[in-house]
Structures are given as structure tokens and as C-alpha cells.
Amino acid sequence: MPRGIRVHDYLHMIFIHKMAQQCSSSSSSIGESSSLWSISYELQRQHHLLLAFDHFAYTATHHARAAIYG
């Protein structure tokens, strides 16, 4: 991970990069709805994982601050 970048932002960059890769790799079969559905499903799954991580990171940060500052 590059220095000076937040983990949250880095994960969003990875997500966008993966989305672009999947879209470009399927451009030849853009007419196949099954391919589009599988890409859509995978992107939604990855997005839900990212949201879950966001929630975890927020909760962990909140608890750490509470432990430090009381």
C-alpha cells in the first residue's frame, strides 16, 4: 500500500480497478446477458465486502478512541 494513503481509500481504489478489469475483459462478450449478470453479481458482492470492512474499520476506530480518550 502506498504511504500516506488511508486503508479505506486504498480499498476503494482496488475495487474500482477490479471493476474496470472485469468490464474490459468481458467487452468482447457484451451481448451475453449471463456474462453481464455474473459480472454484476461479483461487483455487488465485492461492494458488500467493502461496506462491511468500512463498518468494521469505523467501529474499531471508535473503540480505540474511546479506550484512549475515555
PDB file of N, CA and C in Angstrom:
ATOM      1  N   MET A   1       0.845  -1.179   0.000  1.00  0.00           N
ATOM      2  CA  MET A   1       0.000   0.000   0.000  1.00  0.00           C
ATOM      3  C   MET A   1       0.889   1.240   0.000  1.00  0.00           C
ATOM      4  N   PRO A   2       0.582   2.227  -0.852  1.00  0.00           N
ATOM      5  CA  PRO A   2       1.386   3.450  -0.892  1.00  0.00           C
ATOM      6  C   PRO A   2       1.331   4.196   0.443  1.00  0.00           C
ATOM      7  N   ARG A   3       2.429   4.831   0.811  1.00  0.00           N
ATOM      8  CA  ARG A   3       2.458   5.584   2.068  1.00  0.00           C
ATOM      9  C   ARG A   3       1.603   6.835   1.944  1.00  0.00           C
ATOM     10  N   GLY A   4       1.011   7.222   3.051  1.00  0.00           N
ATOM     11  CA  GLY A   4       0.229   8.449   3.087  1.00  0.00           C
ATOM     12  C   GLY A   4      -1.190   8.304   2.573  1.00  0.00           C
ATOM     13  N   ILE A   5      -1.634   7.076   2.333  1.00  0.00           N
ATOM     14  CA  ILE A   5      -2.998   6.877   1.850  1.00  0.00           C
ATOM     15  C   ILE A   5      -3.756   6.042   2.878  1.00  0.00           C
ATOM     16  N   ARG A   6      -5.003   6.396   3.099  1.00  0.00           N
ATOM     17  CA  ARG A   6      -5.807   5.667   4.081  1.00  0.00           C
ATOM     18  C   ARG A   6      -6.196   4.296   3.535  1.00  0.00           C
ATOM     19  N   VAL A   7      -6.322   3.326   4.437  1.00  0.00           N
ATOM     20  CA  VAL A   7      -6.695   1.962   4.040  1.00  0.00           C
ATOM     21  C   VAL A   7      -8.025   1.976   3.303  1.00  0.00           C
ATOM     22  N   HIS A   8      -8.971   2.757   3.806  1.00  0.00           N
ATOM     23  CA  HIS A   8     -10.297   2.847   3.191  1.00  0.00           C
ATOM     24  C   HIS A   8     -10.195   3.304   1.737  1.00  0.00           C
ATOM     25  N   ASP A   9      -9.416   4.353   1.497  1.00  0.00           N
ATOM     26  CA  ASP A   9      -9.254   4.869   0.134  1.00  0.00           C
ATOM     27  C   ASP A   9      -8.536   3.865  -0.758  1.00  0.00           C
ATOM     28  N   TYR A  10      -7.552   3.172  -0.195  1.00  0.00           N
ATOM     29  CA  TYR A  10      -6.811   2.172  -0.958  1.00  0.00           C
ATOM     30  C   TYR A  10      -7.730   1.031  -1.388  1.00  0.00           C
ATOM     31  N   LEU A  11      -8.598   0.586  -0.492  1.00  0.00           N
ATOM     32  CA  LEU A  11      -9.532  -0.488  -0.835  1.00  0.00           C
ATOM     33  C   LEU A  11     -10.511  -0.044  -1.916  1.00  0.00           C
ATOM     34  N   HIS A  12     -10.945   1.216  -1.851  1.00  0.00           N
ATOM     35  CA  HIS A  12     -11.820   1.729  -2.911  1.00  0.00           C
ATOM     36  C   HIS A  12     -11.091   1.737  -4.256  1.00  0.00           C
ATOM     37  N   MET A  13      -9.810   2.092  -4.246  1.00  0.00           N
ATOM     38  CA  MET A  13      -9.035   2.089  -5.492  1.00  0.00           C
ATOM     39  C   MET A  13      -8.933   0.672  -6.053  1.00  0.00           C
ATOM     40  N   ILE A  14      -8.705  -0.305  -5.173  1.00  0.00           N
ATOM     41  CA  ILE A  14      -8.633  -1.701  -5.619  1.00  0.00           C
ATOM     42  C   ILE A  14      -9.970  -2.128  -6.211  1.00  0.00           C
ATOM     43  N   PHE A  15     -11.063  -1.763  -5.547  1.00  0.00           N
ATOM     44  CA  PHE A  15     -12.398  -2.122  -6.025  1.00  0.00           C
ATOM     45  C   PHE A  15     -12.650  -1.549  -7.422  1.00  0.00           C
ATOM     46  N   ILE A  16     -12.340  -0.284  -7.619  1.00  0.00           N
ATOM     47  CA  ILE A  16     -12.556   0.359  -8.919  1.00  0.00           C
ATOM     48  C   ILE A  16     -11.671  -0.282  -9.981  1.00  0.00           C
ATOM     49  N   HIS A  17     -10.430  -0.610  -9.624  1.00  0.00           N
ATOM     50  CA  HIS A  17      -9.517  -1.261 -10.565  1.00  0.00           C
ATOM     51  C   HIS A  17     -10.057  -2.633 -10.981  1.00  0.00           C
ATOM     52  N   LYS A  18     -10.544  -3.409 -10.008  1.00  0.00           N
ATOM     53  CA  LYS A  18     -11.097  -4.732 -10.323  1.00  0.00           C
ATOM     54  C   LYS A  18     -12.338  -4.600 -11.209  1.00  0.00           C
ATOM     55  N   MET A  19     -13.171  -3.601 -10.921  1.00  0.00           N
ATOM     56  CA  MET A  19     -14.370  -3.385 -11.712  1.00  0.00           C
ATOM     57  C   MET A  19     -13.989  -3.071 -13.157  1.00  0.00           C
ATOM     58  N   ALA A  20     -12.991  -2.220 -13.344  1.00  0.00           N
ATOM     59  CA  ALA A  20     -12.543  -1.869 -14.691  1.00  0.00           C
ATOM     60  C   ALA A  20     -11.969  -3.083 -15.410  1.00  0.00           C
ATOM     61  N   GLN A  21     -11.200  -3.913 -14.699  1.00  0.00           N
ATOM     62  CA  GLN A  21     -10.638  -5.125 -15.304  1.00  0.00           C
ATOM     63  C   GLN A  21     -11.738  -6.068 -15.770  1.00  0.00           C
ATOM     64  N   GLN A  22     -12.740  -6.269 -14.915  1.00  0.00           N
ATOM     65  CA  GLN A  22     -13.815  -7.196 -15.260  1.00  0.00           C
ATOM     66  C   GLN A  22     -14.634  -6.681 -16.436  1.00  0.00           C
ATOM     67  N   CYS A  23     -14.872  -5.381 -16.460  1.00  0.00           N
ATOM     68  CA  CYS A  23     -15.640  -4.815 -17.568  1.00  0.00           C
ATOM     69  C   CYS A  23     -14.865  -4.920 -18.880  1.00  0.00           C
ATOM     70  N   SER A  24     -13.565  -4.658 -18.850  1.00  0.00           N
ATOM     71  CA  SER A  24     -12.779  -4.718 -20.080  1.00  0.00           C
ATOM     72  C   SER A  24     -12.599  -6.151 -20.550  1.00  0.00           C
ATOM     73  N   SER A  25     -12.493  -7.094 -19.618  1.00  0.00           N
ATOM     74  CA  SER A  25     -12.309  -8.492 -20.024  1.00  0.00           C
ATOM     75  C   SER A  25     -13.576  -9.076 -20.616  1.00  0.00           C
ATOM     76  N   SER A  26     -14.722  -8.469 -20.325  1.00  0.00           N
ATOM     77  CA  SER A  26     -15.977  -9.002 -20.852  1.00  0.00           C
ATOM     78  C   SER A  26     -16.495  -8.190 -22.031  1.00  0.00           C
ATOM     79  N   SER A  27     -15.742  -7.206 -22.481  1.00  0.00           N
ATOM     80  CA  SER A  27     -16.236  -6.344 -23.558  1.00  0.00           C
ATOM     81  C   SER A  27     -16.483  -7.119 -24.843  1.00  0.00           C
ATOM     82  N   SER A  28     -15.747  -8.201 -25.047  1.00  0.00           N
ATOM     83  CA  SER A  28     -15.955  -8.986 -26.262  1.00  0.00           C
ATOM     84  C   SER A  28     -17.262  -9.760 -26.211  1.00  0.00           C
ATOM     85  N   SER A  29     -17.735 -10.057 -25.014  1.00  0.00           N
ATOM     86  CA  SER A  29     -18.983 -10.818 -24.890  1.00  0.00           C
ATOM     87  C   SER A  29     -20.081  -9.962 -24.277  1.00  0.00           C
ATOM     88  N   ILE A  30     -20.084  -8.683 -24.619  1.00  0.00           N
ATOM     89  CA  ILE A  30     -21.025  -7.744 -24.013  1.00  0.00           C
ATOM     90  C   ILE A  30     -22.479  -8.111 -24.316  1.00  0.00           C
ATOM     91  N   GLY A  31     -22.709  -8.822 -25.404  1.00  0.00           N
ATOM     92  CA  GLY A  31     -24.069  -9.207 -25.752  1.00  0.00           C
ATOM     93  C   GLY A  31     -24.602 -10.370 -24.951  1.00  0.00           C
ATOM     94  N   GLU A  32     -23.764 -11.052 -24.233  1.00  0.00           N
ATOM     95  CA  GLU A  32     -24.203 -12.214 -23.468  1.00  0.00           C
ATOM     96  C   GLU A  32     -24.687 -11.768 -22.099  1.00  0.00           C
ATOM     97  N   SER A  33     -26.000 -11.893 -21.871  1.00  0.00           N
ATOM     98  CA  SER A  33     -26.562 -11.414 -20.613  1.00  0.00           C
ATOM     99  C   SER A  33     -26.044 -12.214 -19.425  1.00  0.00           C
ATOM    100  N   SER A  34     -25.753 -13.503 -19.621  1.00  0.00           N
ATOM    101  CA  SER A  34     -25.257 -14.304 -18.495  1.00  0.00           C
ATOM    102  C   SER A  34     -23.911 -13.773 -18.012  1.00  0.00           C
ATOM    103  N   SER A  35     -23.066 -13.340 -18.957  1.00  0.00           N
ATOM    104  CA  SER A  35     -21.771 -12.775 -18.588  1.00  0.00           C
ATOM    105  C   SER A  35     -21.963 -11.471 -17.817  1.00  0.00           C
ATOM    106  N   LEU A  36     -22.890 -10.636 -18.272  1.00  0.00           N
ATOM    107  CA  LEU A  36     -23.150  -9.370 -17.593  1.00  0.00           C
ATOM    108  C   LEU A  36     -23.725  -9.597 -16.201  1.00  0.00           C
ATOM    109  N   TRP A  37     -24.609 -10.600 -16.095  1.00  0.00           N
ATOM    110  CA  TRP A  37     -25.190 -10.901 -14.785  1.00  0.00           C
ATOM    111  C   TRP A  37     -24.109 -11.371 -13.818  1.00  0.00           C
ATOM    112  N   SER A  38     -23.192 -12.206 -14.286  1.00  0.00           N
ATOM    113  CA  SER A  38     -22.143 -12.706 -13.392  1.00  0.00           C
ATOM    114  C   SER A  38     -21.211 -11.574 -12.959  1.00  0.00           C
ATOM    115  N   ILE A  39     -20.909 -10.654 -13.875  1.00  0.00           N
ATOM    116  CA  ILE A  39     -20.074  -9.502 -13.521  1.00  0.00           C
ATOM    117  C   ILE A  39     -20.802  -8.625 -12.511  1.00  0.00           C
ATOM    118  N   SER A  40     -22.086  -8.377 -12.765  1.00  0.00           N
ATOM    119  CA  SER A  40     -22.880  -7.554 -11.862  1.00  0.00           C
ATOM    120  C   SER A  40     -22.927  -8.172 -10.465  1.00  0.00           C
ATOM    121  N   TYR A  41     -23.152  -9.480 -10.422  1.00  0.00           N
ATOM    122  CA  TYR A  41     -23.211 -10.176  -9.127  1.00  0.00           C
ATOM    123  C   TYR A  41     -21.878 -10.065  -8.391  1.00  0.00           C
ATOM    124  N   GLU A  42     -20.781 -10.283  -9.097  1.00  0.00           N
ATOM    125  CA  GLU A  42     -19.456 -10.234  -8.465  1.00  0.00           C
ATOM    126  C   GLU A  42     -19.141  -8.829  -7.956  1.00  0.00           C
ATOM    127  N   LEU A  43     -19.487  -7.807  -8.730  1.00  0.00           N
ATOM    128  CA  LEU A  43     -19.230  -6.436  -8.294  1.00  0.00           C
ATOM    129  C   LEU A  43     -20.061  -6.091  -7.064  1.00  0.00           C
ATOM    130  N   GLN A  44     -21.315  -6.552  -7.043  1.00  0.00           N
ATOM    131  CA  GLN A  44     -22.158  -6.306  -5.870  1.00  0.00           C
ATOM    132  C   GLN A  44     -21.582  -7.005  -4.647  1.00  0.00           C
ATOM    133  N   ARG A  45     -21.107  -8.234  -4.832  1.00  0.00           N
ATOM    134  CA  ARG A  45     -20.525  -8.993  -3.724  1.00  0.00           C
ATOM    135  C   ARG A  45     -19.290  -8.259  -3.176  1.00  0.00           C
ATOM    136  N   GLN A  46     -18.428  -7.795  -4.079  1.00  0.00           N
ATOM    137  CA  GLN A  46     -17.227  -7.078  -3.646  1.00  0.00           C
ATOM    138  C   GLN A  46     -17.589  -5.769  -2.944  1.00  0.00           C
ATOM    139  N   HIS A  47     -18.623  -5.103  -3.449  1.00  0.00           N
ATOM    140  CA  HIS A  47     -19.041  -3.850  -2.832  1.00  0.00           C
ATOM    141  C   HIS A  47     -19.566  -4.093  -1.421  1.00  0.00           C
ATOM    142  N   HIS A  48     -20.325  -5.172  -1.232  1.00  0.00           N
ATOM    143  CA  HIS A  48     -20.826  -5.503   0.108  1.00  0.00           C
ATOM    144  C   HIS A  48     -19.672  -5.815   1.057  1.00  0.00           C
ATOM    145  N   LEU A  49     -18.646  -6.501   0.556  1.00  0.00           N
ATOM    146  CA  LEU A  49     -17.469  -6.768   1.388  1.00  0.00           C
ATOM    147  C   LEU A  49     -16.781  -5.464   1.786  1.00  0.00           C
ATOM    148  N   LEU A  50     -16.714  -4.530   0.845  1.00  0.00           N
ATOM    149  CA  LEU A  50     -16.088  -3.241   1.125  1.00  0.00           C
ATOM    150  C   LEU A  50     -16.892  -2.469   2.168  1.00  0.00           C
ATOM    151  N   LEU A  51     -18.222  -2.508   2.054  1.00  0.00           N
ATOM    152  CA  LEU A  51     -19.064  -1.835   3.039  1.00  0.00           C
ATOM    153  C   LEU A  51     -18.903  -2.464   4.418  1.00  0.00           C
ATOM    154  N   ALA A  52     -18.798  -3.793   4.452  1.00  0.00           N
ATOM    155  CA  ALA A  52     -18.595  -4.485   5.729  1.00  0.00           C
ATOM    156  C   ALA A  52     -17.264  -4.071   6.345  1.00  0.00           C
ATOM    157  N   PHE A  53     -16.222  -3.954   5.510  1.00  0.00           N
ATOM    158  CA  PHE A  53     -14.925  -3.511   6.022  1.00  0.00           C
ATOM    159  C   PHE A  53     -15.008  -2.077   6.528  1.00  0.00           C
ATOM    160  N   ASP A  54     -15.722  -1.211   5.802  1.00  0.00           N
ATOM    161  CA  ASP A  54     -15.904   0.173   6.242  1.00  0.00           C
ATOM    162  C   ASP A  54     -16.509   0.209   7.643  1.00  0.00           C
ATOM    163  N   HIS A  55     -17.544  -0.607   7.843  1.00  0.00           N
ATOM    164  CA  HIS A  55     -18.219  -0.646   9.144  1.00  0.00           C
ATOM    165  C   HIS A  55     -17.262  -1.145  10.228  1.00  0.00           C
ATOM    166  N   PHE A  56     -16.517  -2.195   9.912  1.00  0.00           N
ATOM    167  CA  PHE A  56     -15.546  -2.742  10.866  1.00  0.00           C
ATOM    168  C   PHE A  56     -14.488  -1.700  11.223  1.00  0.00           C
ATOM    169  N   ALA A  57     -13.951  -1.019  10.211  1.00  0.00           N
ATOM    170  CA  ALA A  57     -12.902  -0.022  10.444  1.00  0.00           C
ATOM    171  C   ALA A  57     -13.435   1.138  11.281  1.00  0.00           C
ATOM    172  N   TYR A  58     -14.657   1.577  10.991  1.00  0.00           N
ATOM    173  CA  TYR A  58     -15.261   2.672  11.756  1.00  0.00           C
ATOM    174  C   TYR A  58     -15.451   2.260  13.215  1.00  0.00           C
ATOM    175  N   THR A  59     -15.988   1.051  13.426  1.00  0.00           N
ATOM    176  CA  THR A  59     -16.228   0.560  14.784  1.00  0.00           C
ATOM    177  C   THR A  59     -14.918   0.398  15.553  1.00  0.00           C
ATOM    178  N   ALA A  60     -13.909  -0.169  14.904  1.00  0.00           N
ATOM    179  CA  ALA A  60     -12.609  -0.359  15.560  1.00  0.00           C
ATOM    180  C   ALA A  60     -11.987   0.984  15.927  1.00  0.00           C
ATOM    181  N   THR A  61     -12.079   1.956  15.030  1.00  0.00           N
ATOM    182  CA  THR A  61     -11.533   3.290  15.299  1.00  0.00           C
ATOM    183  C   THR A  61     -12.263   3.942  16.464  1.00  0.00           C
ATOM    184  N   HIS A  62     -13.587   3.812  16.472  1.00  0.00           N
ATOM    185  CA  HIS A  62     -14.397   4.391  17.545  1.00  0.00           C
ATOM    186  C   HIS A  62     -14.008   3.791  18.899  1.00  0.00           C
ATOM    187  N   HIS A  63     -13.867   2.470  18.954  1.00  0.00           N
ATOM    188  CA  HIS A  63     -13.498   1.804  20.209  1.00  0.00           C
ATOM    189  C   HIS A  63     -12.073   2.171  20.637  1.00  0.00           C
ATOM    190  N   ALA A  64     -11.178   2.295  19.678  1.00  0.00           N
ATOM    191  CA  ALA A  64      -9.799   2.675  20.008  1.00  0.00           C
ATOM    192  C   ALA A  64      -9.759   4.085  20.589  1.00  0.00           C
ATOM    193  N   ARG A  65     -10.499   5.000  19.987  1.00  0.00           N
ATOM    194  CA  ARG A  65     -10.533   6.374  20.507  1.00  0.00           C
ATOM    195  C   ARG A  65     -11.144   6.413  21.903  1.00  0.00           C
ATOM    196  N   ALA A  66     -12.206   5.632  22.107  1.00  0.00           N
ATOM    197  CA  ALA A  66     -12.848   5.591  23.425  1.00  0.00           C
ATOM    198  C   ALA A  66     -11.885   5.039  24.476  1.00  0.00           C
ATOM    199  N   ALA A  67     -11.098   4.035  24.095  1.00  0.00           N
ATOM    200  CA  ALA A  67     -10.140   3.445  25.036  1.00  0.00           C
ATOM    201  C   ALA A  67      -9.011   4.421  25.368  1.00  0.00           C
ATOM    202  N   ILE A  68      -8.612   5.213  24.375  1.00  0.00           N
ATOM    203  CA  ILE A  68      -7.504   6.152  24.587  1.00  0.00           C
ATOM    204  C   ILE A  68      -7.967   7.394  25.352  1.00  0.00           C
ATOM    205  N   TYR A  69      -9.088   7.968  24.907  1.00  0.00           N
ATOM    206  CA  TYR A  69      -9.521   9.253  25.455  1.00  0.00           C
ATOM    207  C   TYR A  69     -10.586   9.132  26.538  1.00  0.00           C
ATOM    208  N   GLY A  70     -11.125   7.937  26.717  1.00  0.00           N
ATOM    209  CA  GLY A  70     -12.087   7.701  27.787  1.00  0.00           C
ATOM    210  C   GLY A  70     -13.488   8.084  27.513  1.00  0.00           C
TER     211      GLY A  70
END
